[in-house]
Structures are given as C-alpha cells and as structure tokens.
C-alpha cells in the first residue's frame, strides 16, 4: 500500500513551506510591526521646542532590538525545514 492517505497533518506538496513556517512568518511580522509602533511618535507640537522624550529607552533601544529580532524570526521561518 502506498502512504498517500489523507490525514489532517498532510499538507499540499506544492507549497514550499509548511503551516508552521507560515505561522512563524506571521509572528515575525507582528514583532517587526510592534517594533516600528514603539519607535513612532516623540515629536513636539511646536518646532521651536525640543522634546527629550524622543530619546527614550523605548525608542532608541527596545524598538530596534524588536525589529532586528523580528527579522531574525523571519529568516528562521524561511530557512527551517519541518518534516511533512
């Protein structure tokens, strides 16, 4: 007998990545989006005033780490091969 039974775990052989890979891609995209959202804002209402909130730890440290980490998750999601 051949091993071609339709099981819930079996996926379309034409797809280059598995369901786990696509899930990791979505998670990585979410991490990147969160990093960019944390970087946003910080400007002042008046161009004559300087706002030091623009240089907060969240904007210059945490957000770039999240963005780079999200890209690392994306690369891992593309390169990782799961058994079908």
PDB file of N, CA and C in Angstrom:
ATOM      1  N   UNK A   1       0.826  -1.176   0.000  1.00  0.00           N
ATOM      2  CA  UNK A   1       0.000   0.000   0.000  1.00  0.00           C
ATOM      3  C   UNK A   1       0.873   1.243   0.000  1.00  0.00           C
ATOM      4  N   UNK A   2       0.396   2.243  -0.627  1.00  0.00           N
ATOM      5  CA  UNK A   2       1.141   3.494  -0.630  1.00  0.00           C
ATOM      6  C   UNK A   2       0.795   4.315   0.602  1.00  0.00           C
ATOM      7  N   UNK A   3       1.605   5.288   0.869  1.00  0.00           N
ATOM      8  CA  UNK A   3       1.443   6.132   2.049  1.00  0.00           C
ATOM      9  C   UNK A   3       0.770   7.452   1.679  1.00  0.00           C
ATOM     10  N   UNK A   4      -0.332   7.386   0.920  1.00  0.00           N
ATOM     11  CA  UNK A   4      -0.978   8.592   0.425  1.00  0.00           C
ATOM     12  C   UNK A   4      -2.338   8.832   1.065  1.00  0.00           C
ATOM     13  N   UNK A   5      -2.525   8.392   2.289  1.00  0.00           N
ATOM     14  CA  UNK A   5      -3.787   8.624   2.982  1.00  0.00           C
ATOM     15  C   UNK A   5      -3.948  10.102   3.284  1.00  0.00           C
ATOM     16  N   UNK A   6      -5.159  10.560   3.242  1.00  0.00           N
ATOM     17  CA  UNK A   6      -5.434  11.952   3.608  1.00  0.00           C
ATOM     18  C   UNK A   6      -5.570  12.049   5.117  1.00  0.00           C
ATOM     19  N   UNK A   7      -4.595  12.642   5.732  1.00  0.00           N
ATOM     20  CA  UNK A   7      -4.624  12.853   7.176  1.00  0.00           C
ATOM     21  C   UNK A   7      -4.640  14.349   7.435  1.00  0.00           C
ATOM     22  N   UNK A   8      -5.070  14.769   8.621  1.00  0.00           N
ATOM     23  CA  UNK A   8      -5.072  16.210   8.917  1.00  0.00           C
ATOM     24  C   UNK A   8      -3.685  16.830   8.887  1.00  0.00           C
ATOM     25  N   UNK A   9      -2.654  16.042   9.153  1.00  0.00           N
ATOM     26  CA  UNK A   9      -1.287  16.569   9.181  1.00  0.00           C
ATOM     27  C   UNK A   9      -0.704  16.733   7.777  1.00  0.00           C
ATOM     28  N   UNK A  10      -1.247  16.022   6.802  1.00  0.00           N
ATOM     29  CA  UNK A  10      -0.705  16.089   5.456  1.00  0.00           C
ATOM     30  C   UNK A  10      -1.073  17.424   4.819  1.00  0.00           C
ATOM     31  N   UNK A  11      -0.097  18.057   4.218  1.00  0.00           N
ATOM     32  CA  UNK A  11      -0.328  19.356   3.602  1.00  0.00           C
ATOM     33  C   UNK A  11      -0.088  19.260   2.107  1.00  0.00           C
ATOM     34  N   UNK A  12      -0.430  20.317   1.413  1.00  0.00           N
ATOM     35  CA  UNK A  12      -0.289  20.359  -0.030  1.00  0.00           C
ATOM     36  C   UNK A  12       1.190  20.264  -0.405  1.00  0.00           C
ATOM     37  N   UNK A  13       1.594  19.261  -1.173  1.00  0.00           N
ATOM     38  CA  UNK A  13       3.026  19.117  -1.510  1.00  0.00           C
ATOM     39  C   UNK A  13       3.534  20.211  -2.441  1.00  0.00           C
ATOM     40  N   UNK A  14       2.633  20.992  -3.027  1.00  0.00           N
ATOM     41  CA  UNK A  14       3.074  22.059  -3.922  1.00  0.00           C
ATOM     42  C   UNK A  14       3.520  23.304  -3.172  1.00  0.00           C
ATOM     43  N   UNK A  15       3.122  23.435  -1.906  1.00  0.00           N
ATOM     44  CA  UNK A  15       3.511  24.604  -1.125  1.00  0.00           C
ATOM     45  C   UNK A  15       4.964  24.475  -0.688  1.00  0.00           C
ATOM     46  N   UNK A  16       5.748  25.530  -0.814  1.00  0.00           N
ATOM     47  CA  UNK A  16       7.172  25.439  -0.466  1.00  0.00           C
ATOM     48  C   UNK A  16       7.423  25.388   1.030  1.00  0.00           C
ATOM     49  N   UNK A  17       6.499  25.909   1.834  1.00  0.00           N
ATOM     50  CA  UNK A  17       6.681  25.948   3.277  1.00  0.00           C
ATOM     51  C   UNK A  17       5.505  25.256   3.957  1.00  0.00           C
ATOM     52  N   UNK A  18       5.732  24.819   5.181  1.00  0.00           N
ATOM     53  CA  UNK A  18       4.665  24.161   5.921  1.00  0.00           C
ATOM     54  C   UNK A  18       3.844  25.187   6.688  1.00  0.00           C
ATOM     55  N   UNK A  19       2.816  24.708   7.343  1.00  0.00           N
ATOM     56  CA  UNK A  19       1.944  25.580   8.124  1.00  0.00           C
ATOM     57  C   UNK A  19       2.717  26.244   9.258  1.00  0.00           C
ATOM     58  N   UNK A  20       3.637  25.520   9.888  1.00  0.00           N
ATOM     59  CA  UNK A  20       4.459  26.092  10.959  1.00  0.00           C
ATOM     60  C   UNK A  20       5.307  27.253  10.447  1.00  0.00           C
ATOM     61  N   UNK A  21       5.859  27.095   9.252  1.00  0.00           N
ATOM     62  CA  UNK A  21       6.664  28.167   8.676  1.00  0.00           C
ATOM     63  C   UNK A  21       5.839  29.435   8.481  1.00  0.00           C
ATOM     64  N   UNK A  22       4.641  29.274   7.943  1.00  0.00           N
ATOM     65  CA  UNK A  22       3.780  30.439   7.725  1.00  0.00           C
ATOM     66  C   UNK A  22       3.367  31.071   9.053  1.00  0.00           C
ATOM     67  N   UNK A  23       3.137  30.253  10.066  1.00  0.00           N
ATOM     68  CA  UNK A  23       2.806  30.788  11.384  1.00  0.00           C
ATOM     69  C   UNK A  23       3.979  31.587  11.948  1.00  0.00           C
ATOM     70  N   UNK A  24       5.187  31.080  11.804  1.00  0.00           N
ATOM     71  CA  UNK A  24       6.367  31.816  12.259  1.00  0.00           C
ATOM     72  C   UNK A  24       6.564  33.104  11.466  1.00  0.00           C
ATOM     73  N   UNK A  25       6.242  33.090  10.182  1.00  0.00           N
ATOM     74  CA  UNK A  25       6.334  34.309   9.383  1.00  0.00           C
ATOM     75  C   UNK A  25       5.369  35.381   9.897  1.00  0.00           C
ATOM     76  N   UNK A  26       4.173  34.975  10.258  1.00  0.00           N
ATOM     77  CA  UNK A  26       3.188  35.935  10.786  1.00  0.00           C
ATOM     78  C   UNK A  26       3.648  36.468  12.138  1.00  0.00           C
ATOM     79  N   UNK A  27       4.194  35.599  12.986  1.00  0.00           N
ATOM     80  CA  UNK A  27       4.701  36.035  14.287  1.00  0.00           C
ATOM     81  C   UNK A  27       5.861  37.019  14.110  1.00  0.00           C
ATOM     82  N   UNK A  28       6.781  36.716  13.205  1.00  0.00           N
ATOM     83  CA  UNK A  28       7.895  37.622  12.938  1.00  0.00           C
ATOM     84  C   UNK A  28       7.427  38.968  12.422  1.00  0.00           C
ATOM     85  N   UNK A  29       6.427  38.954  11.546  1.00  0.00           N
ATOM     86  CA  UNK A  29       5.882  40.214  11.040  1.00  0.00           C
ATOM     87  C   UNK A  29       5.249  41.021  12.169  1.00  0.00           C
ATOM     88  N   UNK A  30       4.571  40.332  13.084  1.00  0.00           N
ATOM     89  CA  UNK A  30       3.970  41.017  14.227  1.00  0.00           C
ATOM     90  C   UNK A  30       5.024  41.654  15.127  1.00  0.00           C
ATOM     91  N   UNK A  31       6.152  40.978  15.325  1.00  0.00           N
ATOM     92  CA  UNK A  31       7.239  41.524  16.141  1.00  0.00           C
ATOM     93  C   UNK A  31       7.833  42.762  15.471  1.00  0.00           C
ATOM     94  N   UNK A  32       8.025  42.698  14.158  1.00  0.00           N
ATOM     95  CA  UNK A  32       8.558  43.852  13.421  1.00  0.00           C
ATOM     96  C   UNK A  32       7.586  45.027  13.513  1.00  0.00           C
ATOM     97  N   UNK A  33       6.312  44.762  13.330  1.00  0.00           N
ATOM     98  CA  UNK A  33       5.303  45.814  13.411  1.00  0.00           C
ATOM     99  C   UNK A  33       5.275  46.439  14.804  1.00  0.00           C
ATOM    100  N   UNK A  34       5.375  45.621  15.850  1.00  0.00           N
ATOM    101  CA  UNK A  34       5.417  46.143  17.214  1.00  0.00           C
ATOM    102  C   UNK A  34       6.631  47.040  17.419  1.00  0.00           C
ATOM    103  N   UNK A  35       7.786  46.636  16.875  1.00  0.00           N
ATOM    104  CA  UNK A  35       8.986  47.464  16.987  1.00  0.00           C
ATOM    105  C   UNK A  35       8.821  48.816  16.320  1.00  0.00           C
ATOM    106  N   UNK A  36       8.221  48.836  15.134  1.00  0.00           N
ATOM    107  CA  UNK A  36       8.011  50.114  14.455  1.00  0.00           C
ATOM    108  C   UNK A  36       6.984  50.975  15.173  1.00  0.00           C
ATOM    109  N   UNK A  37       5.959  50.362  15.752  1.00  0.00           N
ATOM    110  CA  UNK A  37       4.980  51.132  16.509  1.00  0.00           C
ATOM    111  C   UNK A  37       5.612  51.749  17.759  1.00  0.00           C
ATOM    112  N   UNK A  38       6.532  51.024  18.399  1.00  0.00           N
ATOM    113  CA  UNK A  38       7.211  51.569  19.574  1.00  0.00           C
ATOM    114  C   UNK A  38       8.151  52.712  19.205  1.00  0.00           C
ATOM    115  N   UNK A  39       8.649  52.734  17.977  1.00  0.00           N
ATOM    116  CA  UNK A  39       9.523  53.818  17.532  1.00  0.00           C
ATOM    117  C   UNK A  39       8.761  55.088  17.177  1.00  0.00           C
ATOM    118  N   UNK A  40       7.488  54.966  16.900  1.00  0.00           N
ATOM    119  CA  UNK A  40       6.703  56.102  16.414  1.00  0.00           C
ATOM    120  C   UNK A  40       6.490  57.149  17.500  1.00  0.00           C
ATOM    121  N   UNK A  41       6.233  58.356  17.056  1.00  0.00           N
ATOM    122  CA  UNK A  41       5.900  59.449  17.962  1.00  0.00           C
ATOM    123  C   UNK A  41       7.128  60.136  18.517  1.00  0.00           C
ATOM    124  N   UNK A  42       6.902  60.962  19.522  1.00  0.00           N
ATOM    125  CA  UNK A  42       8.011  61.631  20.190  1.00  0.00           C
ATOM    126  C   UNK A  42       8.302  63.024  19.711  1.00  0.00           C
ATOM    127  N   UNK A  43       7.589  63.484  18.720  1.00  0.00           N
ATOM    128  CA  UNK A  43       7.818  64.835  18.234  1.00  0.00           C
ATOM    129  C   UNK A  43       7.119  65.858  19.118  1.00  0.00           C
ATOM    130  N   UNK A  44       7.541  67.082  19.016  1.00  0.00           N
ATOM    131  CA  UNK A  44       6.888  68.135  19.804  1.00  0.00           C
ATOM    132  C   UNK A  44       5.841  68.835  18.945  1.00  0.00           C
ATOM    133  N   UNK A  45       4.924  69.512  19.611  1.00  0.00           N
ATOM    134  CA  UNK A  45       3.865  70.228  18.891  1.00  0.00           C
ATOM    135  C   UNK A  45       4.401  71.465  18.186  1.00  0.00           C
ATOM    136  N   UNK A  46       5.407  72.070  18.777  1.00  0.00           N
ATOM    137  CA  UNK A  46       5.977  73.281  18.212  1.00  0.00           C
ATOM    138  C   UNK A  46       7.394  72.998  17.723  1.00  0.00           C
ATOM    139  N   UNK A  47       7.762  73.469  16.544  1.00  0.00           N
ATOM    140  CA  UNK A  47       9.125  73.243  16.060  1.00  0.00           C
ATOM    141  C   UNK A  47      10.174  74.030  16.844  1.00  0.00           C
ATOM    142  N   UNK A  48       9.740  74.981  17.670  1.00  0.00           N
ATOM    143  CA  UNK A  48      10.680  75.774  18.463  1.00  0.00           C
ATOM    144  C   UNK A  48      11.083  75.072  19.767  1.00  0.00           C
ATOM    145  N   UNK A  49      10.369  74.027  20.149  1.00  0.00           N
ATOM    146  CA  UNK A  49      10.662  73.310  21.389  1.00  0.00           C
ATOM    147  C   UNK A  49      11.356  71.997  21.076  1.00  0.00           C
ATOM    148  N   UNK A  50      12.321  71.645  21.932  1.00  0.00           N
ATOM    149  CA  UNK A  50      12.995  70.365  21.796  1.00  0.00           C
ATOM    150  C   UNK A  50      12.411  69.409  22.824  1.00  0.00           C
ATOM    151  N   UNK A  51      12.017  68.223  22.386  1.00  0.00           N
ATOM    152  CA  UNK A  51      11.382  67.257  23.261  1.00  0.00           C
ATOM    153  C   UNK A  51      12.346  66.099  23.516  1.00  0.00           C
ATOM    154  N   UNK A  52      12.780  65.937  24.769  1.00  0.00           N
ATOM    155  CA  UNK A  52      13.715  64.864  25.104  1.00  0.00           C
ATOM    156  C   UNK A  52      13.049  63.492  25.135  1.00  0.00           C
ATOM    157  N   UNK A  53      11.725  63.433  25.106  1.00  0.00           N
ATOM    158  CA  UNK A  53      11.027  62.145  25.071  1.00  0.00           C
ATOM    159  C   UNK A  53      11.335  61.383  23.784  1.00  0.00           C
ATOM    160  N   UNK A  54      11.840  62.103  22.802  1.00  0.00           N
ATOM    161  CA  UNK A  54      12.213  61.468  21.543  1.00  0.00           C
ATOM    162  C   UNK A  54      13.369  60.487  21.753  1.00  0.00           C
ATOM    163  N   UNK A  55      14.171  60.677  22.775  1.00  0.00           N
ATOM    164  CA  UNK A  55      15.330  59.824  23.025  1.00  0.00           C
ATOM    165  C   UNK A  55      15.100  58.884  24.208  1.00  0.00           C
ATOM    166  N   UNK A  56      13.887  58.381  24.354  1.00  0.00           N
ATOM    167  CA  UNK A  56      13.590  57.470  25.448  1.00  0.00           C
ATOM    168  C   UNK A  56      14.206  56.101  25.172  1.00  0.00           C
ATOM    169  N   UNK A  57      14.348  55.328  26.229  1.00  0.00           N
ATOM    170  CA  UNK A  57      14.926  53.981  26.122  1.00  0.00           C
ATOM    171  C   UNK A  57      14.085  53.101  25.203  1.00  0.00           C
ATOM    172  N   UNK A  58      12.792  53.309  25.242  1.00  0.00           N
ATOM    173  CA  UNK A  58      11.885  52.514  24.413  1.00  0.00           C
ATOM    174  C   UNK A  58      12.145  52.743  22.933  1.00  0.00           C
ATOM    175  N   UNK A  59      12.404  53.999  22.550  1.00  0.00           N
ATOM    176  CA  UNK A  59      12.566  54.320  21.129  1.00  0.00           C
ATOM    177  C   UNK A  59      13.955  54.022  20.583  1.00  0.00           C
ATOM    178  N   UNK A  60      14.986  54.197  21.396  1.00  0.00           N
ATOM    179  CA  UNK A  60      16.327  54.029  20.833  1.00  0.00           C
ATOM    180  C   UNK A  60      16.971  52.695  21.179  1.00  0.00           C
ATOM    181  N   UNK A  61      16.347  51.900  22.066  1.00  0.00           N
ATOM    182  CA  UNK A  61      16.938  50.612  22.426  1.00  0.00           C
ATOM    183  C   UNK A  61      15.974  49.461  22.177  1.00  0.00           C
ATOM    184  N   UNK A  62      14.834  49.499  22.828  1.00  0.00           N
ATOM    185  CA  UNK A  62      13.891  48.378  22.756  1.00  0.00           C
ATOM    186  C   UNK A  62      13.331  48.179  21.351  1.00  0.00           C
ATOM    187  N   UNK A  63      12.860  49.226  20.726  1.00  0.00           N
ATOM    188  CA  UNK A  63      12.226  49.101  19.412  1.00  0.00           C
ATOM    189  C   UNK A  63      13.178  48.555  18.345  1.00  0.00           C
ATOM    190  N   UNK A  64      14.423  49.058  18.233  1.00  0.00           N
ATOM    191  CA  UNK A  64      15.322  48.467  17.232  1.00  0.00           C
ATOM    192  C   UNK A  64      15.667  47.004  17.517  1.00  0.00           C
ATOM    193  N   UNK A  65      15.762  46.637  18.795  1.00  0.00           N
ATOM    194  CA  UNK A  65      16.023  45.232  19.131  1.00  0.00           C
ATOM    195  C   UNK A  65      14.852  44.364  18.670  1.00  0.00           C
ATOM    196  N   UNK A  66      13.629  44.845  18.873  1.00  0.00           N
ATOM    197  CA  UNK A  66      12.460  44.087  18.419  1.00  0.00           C
ATOM    198  C   UNK A  66      12.430  43.959  16.902  1.00  0.00           C
ATOM    199  N   UNK A  67      12.770  45.022  16.199  1.00  0.00           N
ATOM    200  CA  UNK A  67      12.757  44.969  14.731  1.00  0.00           C
ATOM    201  C   UNK A  67      13.796  43.968  14.220  1.00  0.00           C
ATOM    202  N   UNK A  68      15.001  44.040  14.741  1.00  0.00           N
ATOM    203  CA  UNK A  68      16.050  43.104  14.307  1.00  0.00           C
ATOM    204  C   UNK A  68      15.685  41.677  14.712  1.00  0.00           C
ATOM    205  N   UNK A  69      15.119  41.515  15.906  1.00  0.00           N
ATOM    206  CA  UNK A  69      14.673  40.187  16.334  1.00  0.00           C
ATOM    207  C   UNK A  69      13.566  39.651  15.450  1.00  0.00           C
ATOM    208  N   UNK A  70      12.659  40.516  15.020  1.00  0.00           N
ATOM    209  CA  UNK A  70      11.598  40.097  14.112  1.00  0.00           C
ATOM    210  C   UNK A  70      12.137  39.642  12.768  1.00  0.00           C
ATOM    211  N   UNK A  71      13.148  40.349  12.267  1.00  0.00           N
ATOM    212  CA  UNK A  71      13.769  39.908  11.011  1.00  0.00           C
ATOM    213  C   UNK A  71      14.495  38.582  11.198  1.00  0.00           C
ATOM    214  N   UNK A  72      15.078  38.364  12.367  1.00  0.00           N
ATOM    215  CA  UNK A  72      15.724  37.074  12.641  1.00  0.00           C
ATOM    216  C   UNK A  72      14.691  35.946  12.663  1.00  0.00           C
ATOM    217  N   UNK A  73      13.527  36.205  13.233  1.00  0.00           N
ATOM    218  CA  UNK A  73      12.450  35.208  13.226  1.00  0.00           C
ATOM    219  C   UNK A  73      12.003  34.936  11.791  1.00  0.00           C
ATOM    220  N   UNK A  74      11.926  35.964  10.974  1.00  0.00           N
ATOM    221  CA  UNK A  74      11.541  35.786   9.572  1.00  0.00           C
ATOM    222  C   UNK A  74      12.546  34.894   8.824  1.00  0.00           C
ATOM    223  N   UNK A  75      13.825  35.143   9.013  1.00  0.00           N
ATOM    224  CA  UNK A  75      14.848  34.332   8.352  1.00  0.00           C
ATOM    225  C   UNK A  75      14.769  32.888   8.835  1.00  0.00           C
ATOM    226  N   UNK A  76      14.599  32.710  10.144  1.00  0.00           N
ATOM    227  CA  UNK A  76      14.472  31.360  10.695  1.00  0.00           C
ATOM    228  C   UNK A  76      13.242  30.658  10.122  1.00  0.00           C
ATOM    229  N   UNK A  77      12.132  31.379  10.011  1.00  0.00           N
ATOM    230  CA  UNK A  77      10.898  30.787   9.498  1.00  0.00           C
ATOM    231  C   UNK A  77      11.049  30.343   8.047  1.00  0.00           C
ATOM    232  N   UNK A  78      11.817  31.072   7.283  1.00  0.00           N
ATOM    233  CA  UNK A  78      12.014  30.698   5.884  1.00  0.00           C
ATOM    234  C   UNK A  78      13.005  29.543   5.749  1.00  0.00           C
ATOM    235  N   UNK A  79      14.050  29.554   6.558  1.00  0.00           N
ATOM    236  CA  UNK A  79      15.102  28.547   6.412  1.00  0.00           C
ATOM    237  C   UNK A  79      14.794  27.218   7.096  1.00  0.00           C
ATOM    238  N   UNK A  80      13.978  27.222   8.146  1.00  0.00           N
ATOM    239  CA  UNK A  80      13.699  25.999   8.885  1.00  0.00           C
ATOM    240  C   UNK A  80      12.839  25.061   8.050  1.00  0.00           C
ATOM    241  N   UNK A  81      13.249  23.797   7.986  1.00  0.00           N
ATOM    242  CA  UNK A  81      12.502  22.800   7.236  1.00  0.00           C
ATOM    243  C   UNK A  81      11.867  21.837   8.219  1.00  0.00           C
ATOM    244  N   UNK A  82      10.549  21.778   8.206  1.00  0.00           N
ATOM    245  CA  UNK A  82       9.806  20.839   9.037  1.00  0.00           C
ATOM    246  C   UNK A  82       9.444  19.644   8.194  1.00  0.00           C
ATOM    247  N   UNK A  83       9.469  18.466   8.808  1.00  0.00           N
ATOM    248  CA  UNK A  83       9.086  17.245   8.099  1.00  0.00           C
ATOM    249  C   UNK A  83       7.593  17.265   7.831  1.00  0.00           C
ATOM    250  N   UNK A  84       7.263  16.826   6.674  1.00  0.00           N
ATOM    251  CA  UNK A  84       5.838  16.799   6.306  1.00  0.00           C
ATOM    252  C   UNK A  84       5.287  15.506   6.719  1.00  0.00           C
TER     253      UNK A  84
END
